Amino acid sequence: MIKQQVKDIIVGIIEMVAPDADLSNLKSDVRLRDQLDMDSMDFLDIVMELRKRYQIEVPKEDYPMLATLDSCISYLTPKLQSVVST
């Protein structure tokens, strides 16, 4: 259940950053920037929103870990463990 909650958090942030993006057919293993036609500023907005909402710092060297929905979930699940309930 935690993974679904983390996915919901990620999708919610994407909806805020890219409100015109069609998230209905989001593929979990394809780069988010490619699927949603996001630029680097959109991506940085996602990183900033994670920091603002959940106090999660994502170092620049870890940015590739946020490339796909699956990799976001894997990377963020341990960091959001205290935020989401089981």
PDB file of N, CA and C in Angstrom:
ATOM      1  N   MET A   1       0.814  -1.201   0.000  1.00  0.00           N
ATOM      2  CA  MET A   1       0.000   0.000   0.000  1.00  0.00           C
ATOM      3  C   MET A   1       0.858   1.265   0.000  1.00  0.00           C
ATOM      4  N   ILE A   2       2.007   1.192   0.654  1.00  0.00           N
ATOM      5  CA  ILE A   2       2.866   2.370   0.731  1.00  0.00           C
ATOM      6  C   ILE A   2       3.277   2.830  -0.662  1.00  0.00           C
ATOM      7  N   LYS A   3       3.601   1.890  -1.542  1.00  0.00           N
ATOM      8  CA  LYS A   3       4.017   2.270  -2.899  1.00  0.00           C
ATOM      9  C   LYS A   3       2.908   3.018  -3.624  1.00  0.00           C
ATOM     10  N   GLN A   4       1.664   2.609  -3.439  1.00  0.00           N
ATOM     11  CA  GLN A   4       0.547   3.309  -4.069  1.00  0.00           C
ATOM     12  C   GLN A   4       0.414   4.723  -3.501  1.00  0.00           C
ATOM     13  N   GLN A   5       0.622   4.869  -2.213  1.00  0.00           N
ATOM     14  CA  GLN A   5       0.550   6.190  -1.597  1.00  0.00           C
ATOM     15  C   GLN A   5       1.669   7.095  -2.118  1.00  0.00           C
ATOM     16  N   VAL A   6       2.866   6.546  -2.263  1.00  0.00           N
ATOM     17  CA  VAL A   6       3.988   7.314  -2.806  1.00  0.00           C
ATOM     18  C   VAL A   6       3.685   7.701  -4.250  1.00  0.00           C
ATOM     19  N   LYS A   7       3.142   6.771  -5.024  1.00  0.00           N
ATOM     20  CA  LYS A   7       2.763   7.071  -6.409  1.00  0.00           C
ATOM     21  C   LYS A   7       1.745   8.208  -6.438  1.00  0.00           C
ATOM     22  N   ASP A   8       0.757   8.173  -5.558  1.00  0.00           N
ATOM     23  CA  ASP A   8      -0.250   9.228  -5.501  1.00  0.00           C
ATOM     24  C   ASP A   8       0.377  10.584  -5.170  1.00  0.00           C
ATOM     25  N   ILE A   9       1.355  10.580  -4.275  1.00  0.00           N
ATOM     26  CA  ILE A   9       2.055  11.816  -3.930  1.00  0.00           C
ATOM     27  C   ILE A   9       2.782  12.362  -5.144  1.00  0.00           C
ATOM     28  N   ILE A  10       3.493  11.498  -5.854  1.00  0.00           N
ATOM     29  CA  ILE A  10       4.257  11.923  -7.028  1.00  0.00           C
ATOM     30  C   ILE A  10       3.319  12.467  -8.103  1.00  0.00           C
ATOM     31  N   VAL A  11       2.263  11.732  -8.389  1.00  0.00           N
ATOM     32  CA  VAL A  11       1.315  12.158  -9.421  1.00  0.00           C
ATOM     33  C   VAL A  11       0.656  13.479  -9.016  1.00  0.00           C
ATOM     34  N   GLY A  12       0.354  13.640  -7.738  1.00  0.00           N
ATOM     35  CA  GLY A  12      -0.228  14.892  -7.262  1.00  0.00           C
ATOM     36  C   GLY A  12       0.693  16.078  -7.477  1.00  0.00           C
ATOM     37  N   ILE A  13       1.976  15.878  -7.229  1.00  0.00           N
ATOM     38  CA  ILE A  13       2.948  16.947  -7.456  1.00  0.00           C
ATOM     39  C   ILE A  13       3.068  17.243  -8.944  1.00  0.00           C
ATOM     40  N   ILE A  14       3.083  16.208  -9.773  1.00  0.00           N
ATOM     41  CA  ILE A  14       3.157  16.420 -11.227  1.00  0.00           C
ATOM     42  C   ILE A  14       1.934  17.194 -11.707  1.00  0.00           C
ATOM     43  N   GLU A  15       0.766  16.855 -11.185  1.00  0.00           N
ATOM     44  CA  GLU A  15      -0.459  17.575 -11.562  1.00  0.00           C
ATOM     45  C   GLU A  15      -0.354  19.057 -11.229  1.00  0.00           C
ATOM     46  N   MET A  16       0.266  19.364 -10.105  1.00  0.00           N
ATOM     47  CA  MET A  16       0.426  20.757  -9.711  1.00  0.00           C
ATOM     48  C   MET A  16       1.433  21.487 -10.603  1.00  0.00           C
ATOM     49  N   VAL A  17       2.539  20.805 -10.901  1.00  0.00           N
ATOM     50  CA  VAL A  17       3.607  21.414 -11.693  1.00  0.00           C
ATOM     51  C   VAL A  17       3.230  21.525 -13.171  1.00  0.00           C
ATOM     52  N   ALA A  18       2.545  20.506 -13.680  1.00  0.00           N
ATOM     53  CA  ALA A  18       2.170  20.465 -15.097  1.00  0.00           C
ATOM     54  C   ALA A  18       0.660  20.207 -15.207  1.00  0.00           C
ATOM     55  N   PRO A  19      -0.154  21.219 -14.894  1.00  0.00           N
ATOM     56  CA  PRO A  19      -1.604  21.005 -14.830  1.00  0.00           C
ATOM     57  C   PRO A  19      -2.245  20.587 -16.157  1.00  0.00           C
ATOM     58  N   ASP A  20      -1.604  20.880 -17.257  1.00  0.00           N
ATOM     59  CA  ASP A  20      -2.165  20.522 -18.568  1.00  0.00           C
ATOM     60  C   ASP A  20      -1.731  19.141 -19.041  1.00  0.00           C
ATOM     61  N   ALA A  21      -0.878  18.483 -18.277  1.00  0.00           N
ATOM     62  CA  ALA A  21      -0.372  17.167 -18.674  1.00  0.00           C
ATOM     63  C   ALA A  21      -1.472  16.116 -18.565  1.00  0.00           C
ATOM     64  N   ASP A  22      -1.502  15.225 -19.538  1.00  0.00           N
ATOM     65  CA  ASP A  22      -2.452  14.112 -19.515  1.00  0.00           C
ATOM     66  C   ASP A  22      -1.815  12.957 -18.755  1.00  0.00           C
ATOM     67  N   LEU A  23      -2.294  12.719 -17.545  1.00  0.00           N
ATOM     68  CA  LEU A  23      -1.727  11.677 -16.695  1.00  0.00           C
ATOM     69  C   LEU A  23      -2.514  10.381 -16.763  1.00  0.00           C
ATOM     70  N   SER A  24      -3.527  10.331 -17.623  1.00  0.00           N
ATOM     71  CA  SER A  24      -4.404   9.158 -17.676  1.00  0.00           C
ATOM     72  C   SER A  24      -3.698   7.912 -18.212  1.00  0.00           C
ATOM     73  N   ASN A  25      -2.707   8.080 -19.056  1.00  0.00           N
ATOM     74  CA  ASN A  25      -1.995   6.931 -19.631  1.00  0.00           C
ATOM     75  C   ASN A  25      -0.524   6.930 -19.236  1.00  0.00           C
ATOM     76  N   LEU A  26      -0.252   7.367 -18.034  1.00  0.00           N
ATOM     77  CA  LEU A  26       1.117   7.461 -17.559  1.00  0.00           C
ATOM     78  C   LEU A  26       1.736   6.070 -17.444  1.00  0.00           C
ATOM     79  N   LYS A  27       2.845   5.875 -18.142  1.00  0.00           N
ATOM     80  CA  LYS A  27       3.555   4.593 -18.100  1.00  0.00           C
ATOM     81  C   LYS A  27       4.613   4.668 -17.008  1.00  0.00           C
ATOM     82  N   SER A  28       4.680   3.631 -16.210  1.00  0.00           N
ATOM     83  CA  SER A  28       5.559   3.674 -15.043  1.00  0.00           C
ATOM     84  C   SER A  28       7.036   3.460 -15.372  1.00  0.00           C
ATOM     85  N   ASP A  29       7.331   2.948 -16.568  1.00  0.00           N
ATOM     86  CA  ASP A  29       8.720   2.644 -16.898  1.00  0.00           C
ATOM     87  C   ASP A  29       9.299   3.520 -18.008  1.00  0.00           C
ATOM     88  N   VAL A  30       8.596   4.590 -18.363  1.00  0.00           N
ATOM     89  CA  VAL A  30       9.058   5.515 -19.398  1.00  0.00           C
ATOM     90  C   VAL A  30       9.381   6.852 -18.729  1.00  0.00           C
ATOM     91  N   ARG A  31      10.457   7.489 -19.185  1.00  0.00           N
ATOM     92  CA  ARG A  31      10.867   8.763 -18.582  1.00  0.00           C
ATOM     93  C   ARG A  31       9.706   9.751 -18.526  1.00  0.00           C
ATOM     94  N   LEU A  32       9.489  10.313 -17.354  1.00  0.00           N
ATOM     95  CA  LEU A  32       8.395  11.266 -17.158  1.00  0.00           C
ATOM     96  C   LEU A  32       8.555  12.487 -18.062  1.00  0.00           C
ATOM     97  N   ARG A  33       9.768  12.980 -18.193  1.00  0.00           N
ATOM     98  CA  ARG A  33       9.989  14.177 -19.018  1.00  0.00           C
ATOM     99  C   ARG A  33       9.607  13.910 -20.469  1.00  0.00           C
ATOM    100  N   ASP A  34       9.846  12.699 -20.956  1.00  0.00           N
ATOM    101  CA  ASP A  34       9.490  12.361 -22.333  1.00  0.00           C
ATOM    102  C   ASP A  34       7.983  12.205 -22.492  1.00  0.00           C
ATOM    103  N   GLN A  35       7.354  11.555 -21.537  1.00  0.00           N
ATOM    104  CA  GLN A  35       5.910  11.312 -21.614  1.00  0.00           C
ATOM    105  C   GLN A  35       5.099  12.595 -21.498  1.00  0.00           C
ATOM    106  N   LEU A  36       5.560  13.476 -20.645  1.00  0.00           N
ATOM    107  CA  LEU A  36       4.761  14.647 -20.299  1.00  0.00           C
ATOM    108  C   LEU A  36       5.291  15.930 -20.919  1.00  0.00           C
ATOM    109  N   ASP A  37       6.314  15.800 -21.731  1.00  0.00           N
ATOM    110  CA  ASP A  37       6.910  16.953 -22.404  1.00  0.00           C
ATOM    111  C   ASP A  37       7.279  18.041 -21.393  1.00  0.00           C
ATOM    112  N   MET A  38       7.905  17.606 -20.308  1.00  0.00           N
ATOM    113  CA  MET A  38       8.325  18.533 -19.267  1.00  0.00           C
ATOM    114  C   MET A  38       9.740  19.021 -19.565  1.00  0.00           C
ATOM    115  N   ASP A  39       9.994  20.268 -19.227  1.00  0.00           N
ATOM    116  CA  ASP A  39      11.350  20.778 -19.395  1.00  0.00           C
ATOM    117  C   ASP A  39      12.094  20.701 -18.059  1.00  0.00           C
ATOM    118  N   SER A  40      13.330  21.150 -18.059  1.00  0.00           N
ATOM    119  CA  SER A  40      14.141  21.031 -16.851  1.00  0.00           C
ATOM    120  C   SER A  40      13.581  21.866 -15.701  1.00  0.00           C
ATOM    121  N   MET A  41      12.934  22.972 -16.000  1.00  0.00           N
ATOM    122  CA  MET A  41      12.331  23.788 -14.939  1.00  0.00           C
ATOM    123  C   MET A  41      11.161  23.057 -14.287  1.00  0.00           C
ATOM    124  N   ASP A  42      10.358  22.357 -15.083  1.00  0.00           N
ATOM    125  CA  ASP A  42       9.269  21.554 -14.511  1.00  0.00           C
ATOM    126  C   ASP A  42       9.835  20.495 -13.572  1.00  0.00           C
ATOM    127  N   PHE A  43      10.892  19.847 -14.015  1.00  0.00           N
ATOM    128  CA  PHE A  43      11.521  18.818 -13.190  1.00  0.00           C
ATOM    129  C   PHE A  43      12.033  19.417 -11.879  1.00  0.00           C
ATOM    130  N   LEU A  44      12.690  20.562 -11.958  1.00  0.00           N
ATOM    131  CA  LEU A  44      13.183  21.210 -10.743  1.00  0.00           C
ATOM    132  C   LEU A  44      12.037  21.637  -9.836  1.00  0.00           C
ATOM    133  N   ASP A  45      10.908  22.014 -10.420  1.00  0.00           N
ATOM    134  CA  ASP A  45       9.730  22.353  -9.619  1.00  0.00           C
ATOM    135  C   ASP A  45       9.244  21.136  -8.824  1.00  0.00           C
ATOM    136  N   ILE A  46       9.327  19.963  -9.427  1.00  0.00           N
ATOM    137  CA  ILE A  46       8.948  18.733  -8.721  1.00  0.00           C
ATOM    138  C   ILE A  46       9.891  18.505  -7.537  1.00  0.00           C
ATOM    139  N   VAL A  47      11.177  18.653  -7.777  1.00  0.00           N
ATOM    140  CA  VAL A  47      12.170  18.484  -6.713  1.00  0.00           C
ATOM    141  C   VAL A  47      11.935  19.504  -5.603  1.00  0.00           C
ATOM    142  N   MET A  48      11.653  20.746  -5.975  1.00  0.00           N
ATOM    143  CA  MET A  48      11.405  21.799  -4.978  1.00  0.00           C
ATOM    144  C   MET A  48      10.133  21.518  -4.181  1.00  0.00           C
ATOM    145  N   GLU A  49       9.127  20.997  -4.840  1.00  0.00           N
ATOM    146  CA  GLU A  49       7.868  20.687  -4.164  1.00  0.00           C
ATOM    147  C   GLU A  49       8.061  19.541  -3.163  1.00  0.00           C
ATOM    148  N   LEU A  50       8.881  18.564  -3.502  1.00  0.00           N
ATOM    149  CA  LEU A  50       9.204  17.491  -2.559  1.00  0.00           C
ATOM    150  C   LEU A  50       9.877  18.061  -1.314  1.00  0.00           C
ATOM    151  N   ARG A  51      10.745  19.029  -1.533  1.00  0.00           N
ATOM    152  CA  ARG A  51      11.423  19.663  -0.404  1.00  0.00           C
ATOM    153  C   ARG A  51      10.430  20.470   0.432  1.00  0.00           C
ATOM    154  N   LYS A  52       9.595  21.242  -0.237  1.00  0.00           N
ATOM    155  CA  LYS A  52       8.658  22.119   0.466  1.00  0.00           C
ATOM    156  C   LYS A  52       7.604  21.323   1.249  1.00  0.00           C
ATOM    157  N   ARG A  53       7.006  20.338   0.605  1.00  0.00           N
ATOM    158  CA  ARG A  53       5.920  19.587   1.241  1.00  0.00           C
ATOM    159  C   ARG A  53       6.387  18.546   2.241  1.00  0.00           C
ATOM    160  N   TYR A  54       7.499  17.871   1.916  1.00  0.00           N
ATOM    161  CA  TYR A  54       7.898  16.697   2.695  1.00  0.00           C
ATOM    162  C   TYR A  54       9.309  16.779   3.267  1.00  0.00           C
ATOM    163  N   GLN A  55       9.977  17.923   3.115  1.00  0.00           N
ATOM    164  CA  GLN A  55      11.333  18.124   3.622  1.00  0.00           C
ATOM    165  C   GLN A  55      12.301  17.060   3.096  1.00  0.00           C
ATOM    166  N   ILE A  56      12.106  16.672   1.845  1.00  0.00           N
ATOM    167  CA  ILE A  56      12.987  15.691   1.209  1.00  0.00           C
ATOM    168  C   ILE A  56      13.979  16.433   0.324  1.00  0.00           C
ATOM    169  N   GLU A  57      15.240  16.251   0.636  1.00  0.00           N
ATOM    170  CA  GLU A  57      16.304  16.821  -0.176  1.00  0.00           C
ATOM    171  C   GLU A  57      16.736  15.787  -1.206  1.00  0.00           C
ATOM    172  N   VAL A  58      16.711  16.174  -2.466  1.00  0.00           N
ATOM    173  CA  VAL A  58      17.178  15.288  -3.530  1.00  0.00           C
ATOM    174  C   VAL A  58      18.446  15.916  -4.106  1.00  0.00           C
ATOM    175  N   PRO A  59      19.598  15.334  -3.805  1.00  0.00           N
ATOM    176  CA  PRO A  59      20.849  15.873  -4.342  1.00  0.00           C
ATOM    177  C   PRO A  59      20.875  15.765  -5.873  1.00  0.00           C
ATOM    178  N   LYS A  60      21.557  16.692  -6.478  1.00  0.00           N
ATOM    179  CA  LYS A  60      21.618  16.738  -7.940  1.00  0.00           C
ATOM    180  C   LYS A  60      22.070  15.405  -8.535  1.00  0.00           C
ATOM    181  N   GLU A  61      22.988  14.738  -7.875  1.00  0.00           N
ATOM    182  CA  GLU A  61      23.479  13.460  -8.399  1.00  0.00           C
ATOM    183  C   GLU A  61      22.417  12.357  -8.350  1.00  0.00           C
ATOM    184  N   ASP A  62      21.348  12.575  -7.591  1.00  0.00           N
ATOM    185  CA  ASP A  62      20.258  11.600  -7.526  1.00  0.00           C
ATOM    186  C   ASP A  62      19.116  11.912  -8.492  1.00  0.00           C
ATOM    187  N   TYR A  63      19.188  13.005  -9.217  1.00  0.00           N
ATOM    188  CA  TYR A  63      18.114  13.358 -10.156  1.00  0.00           C
ATOM    189  C   TYR A  63      17.763  12.225 -11.120  1.00  0.00           C
ATOM    190  N   PRO A  64      18.747  11.459 -11.626  1.00  0.00           N
ATOM    191  CA  PRO A  64      18.383  10.338 -12.509  1.00  0.00           C
ATOM    192  C   PRO A  64      17.469   9.308 -11.847  1.00  0.00           C
ATOM    193  N   MET A  65      17.474   9.264 -10.516  1.00  0.00           N
ATOM    194  CA  MET A  65      16.613   8.329  -9.795  1.00  0.00           C
ATOM    195  C   MET A  65      15.143   8.736  -9.866  1.00  0.00           C
ATOM    196  N   LEU A  66      14.870   9.934 -10.376  1.00  0.00           N
ATOM    197  CA  LEU A  66      13.500  10.424 -10.503  1.00  0.00           C
ATOM    198  C   LEU A  66      13.049  10.450 -11.964  1.00  0.00           C
ATOM    199  N   ALA A  67      13.697   9.674 -12.795  1.00  0.00           N
ATOM    200  CA  ALA A  67      13.415   9.713 -14.231  1.00  0.00           C
ATOM    201  C   ALA A  67      12.059   9.119 -14.592  1.00  0.00           C
ATOM    202  N   THR A  68      11.729   7.969 -14.036  1.00  0.00           N
ATOM    203  CA  THR A  68      10.461   7.302 -14.350  1.00  0.00           C
ATOM    204  C   THR A  68       9.601   7.240 -13.097  1.00  0.00           C
ATOM    205  N   LEU A  69       8.343   6.924 -13.274  1.00  0.00           N
ATOM    206  CA  LEU A  69       7.461   6.781 -12.126  1.00  0.00           C
ATOM    207  C   LEU A  69       7.947   5.647 -11.220  1.00  0.00           C
ATOM    208  N   ASP A  70       8.347   4.526 -11.815  1.00  0.00           N
ATOM    209  CA  ASP A  70       8.866   3.397 -11.028  1.00  0.00           C
ATOM    210  C   ASP A  70      10.108   3.794 -10.231  1.00  0.00           C
ATOM    211  N   SER A  71      11.030   4.505 -10.882  1.00  0.00           N
ATOM    212  CA  SER A  71      12.256   4.881 -10.168  1.00  0.00           C
ATOM    213  C   SER A  71      11.967   5.921  -9.090  1.00  0.00           C
ATOM    214  N   CYS A  72      10.999   6.798  -9.324  1.00  0.00           N
ATOM    215  CA  CYS A  72      10.576   7.750  -8.290  1.00  0.00           C
ATOM    216  C   CYS A  72      10.049   7.006  -7.072  1.00  0.00           C
ATOM    217  N   ILE A  73       9.205   6.034  -7.319  1.00  0.00           N
ATOM    218  CA  ILE A  73       8.616   5.262  -6.217  1.00  0.00           C
ATOM    219  C   ILE A  73       9.714   4.545  -5.438  1.00  0.00           C
ATOM    220  N   SER A  74      10.628   3.903  -6.136  1.00  0.00           N
ATOM    221  CA  SER A  74      11.721   3.190  -5.460  1.00  0.00           C
ATOM    222  C   SER A  74      12.590   4.139  -4.639  1.00  0.00           C
ATOM    223  N   TYR A  75      12.905   5.285  -5.203  1.00  0.00           N
ATOM    224  CA  TYR A  75      13.781   6.246  -4.533  1.00  0.00           C
ATOM    225  C   TYR A  75      13.081   6.926  -3.360  1.00  0.00           C
ATOM    226  N   LEU A  76      11.812   7.290  -3.545  1.00  0.00           N
ATOM    227  CA  LEU A  76      11.121   8.094  -2.539  1.00  0.00           C
ATOM    228  C   LEU A  76      10.435   7.289  -1.438  1.00  0.00           C
ATOM    229  N   THR A  77      10.148   6.015  -1.675  1.00  0.00           N
ATOM    230  CA  THR A  77       9.443   5.230  -0.666  1.00  0.00           C
ATOM    231  C   THR A  77      10.151   5.246   0.690  1.00  0.00           C
ATOM    232  N   PRO A  78      11.449   4.963   0.760  1.00  0.00           N
ATOM    233  CA  PRO A  78      12.079   5.011   2.083  1.00  0.00           C
ATOM    234  C   PRO A  78      12.098   6.424   2.686  1.00  0.00           C
ATOM    235  N   LYS A  79      12.162   7.426   1.839  1.00  0.00           N
ATOM    236  CA  LYS A  79      12.207   8.808   2.316  1.00  0.00           C
ATOM    237  C   LYS A  79      10.843   9.294   2.801  1.00  0.00           C
ATOM    238  N   LEU A  80       9.782   8.718   2.235  1.00  0.00           N
ATOM    239  CA  LEU A  80       8.431   9.115   2.621  1.00  0.00           C
ATOM    240  C   LEU A  80       7.799   8.143   3.623  1.00  0.00           C
ATOM    241  N   GLN A  81       8.554   7.180   4.085  1.00  0.00           N
ATOM    242  CA  GLN A  81       8.049   6.145   4.991  1.00  0.00           C
ATOM    243  C   GLN A  81       7.321   6.750   6.188  1.00  0.00           C
ATOM    244  N   SER A  82       7.859   7.815   6.745  1.00  0.00           N
ATOM    245  CA  SER A  82       7.250   8.397   7.938  1.00  0.00           C
ATOM    246  C   SER A  82       6.012   9.231   7.605  1.00  0.00           C
ATOM    247  N   VAL A  83       5.851   9.594   6.329  1.00  0.00           N
ATOM    248  CA  VAL A  83       4.727  10.443   5.926  1.00  0.00           C
ATOM    249  C   VAL A  83       3.491   9.598   5.601  1.00  0.00           C
ATOM    250  N   VAL A  84       3.713   8.479   4.932  1.00  0.00           N
ATOM    251  CA  VAL A  84       2.594   7.637   4.514  1.00  0.00           C
ATOM    252  C   VAL A  84       2.320   6.576   5.579  1.00  0.00           C
ATOM    253  N   SER A  85       1.086   6.202   5.656  1.00  0.00           N
ATOM    254  CA  SER A  85       0.726   5.169   6.634  1.00  0.00           C
ATOM    255  C   SER A  85       0.599   3.828   5.934  1.00  0.00           C
ATOM    256  N   THR A  86       0.794   2.782   6.652  1.00  0.00           N
ATOM    257  CA  THR A  86       0.710   1.441   6.066  1.00  0.00           C
ATOM    258  C   THR A  86      -0.703   0.945   6.048  1.00  0.00           C
TER     259      THR A  86
END
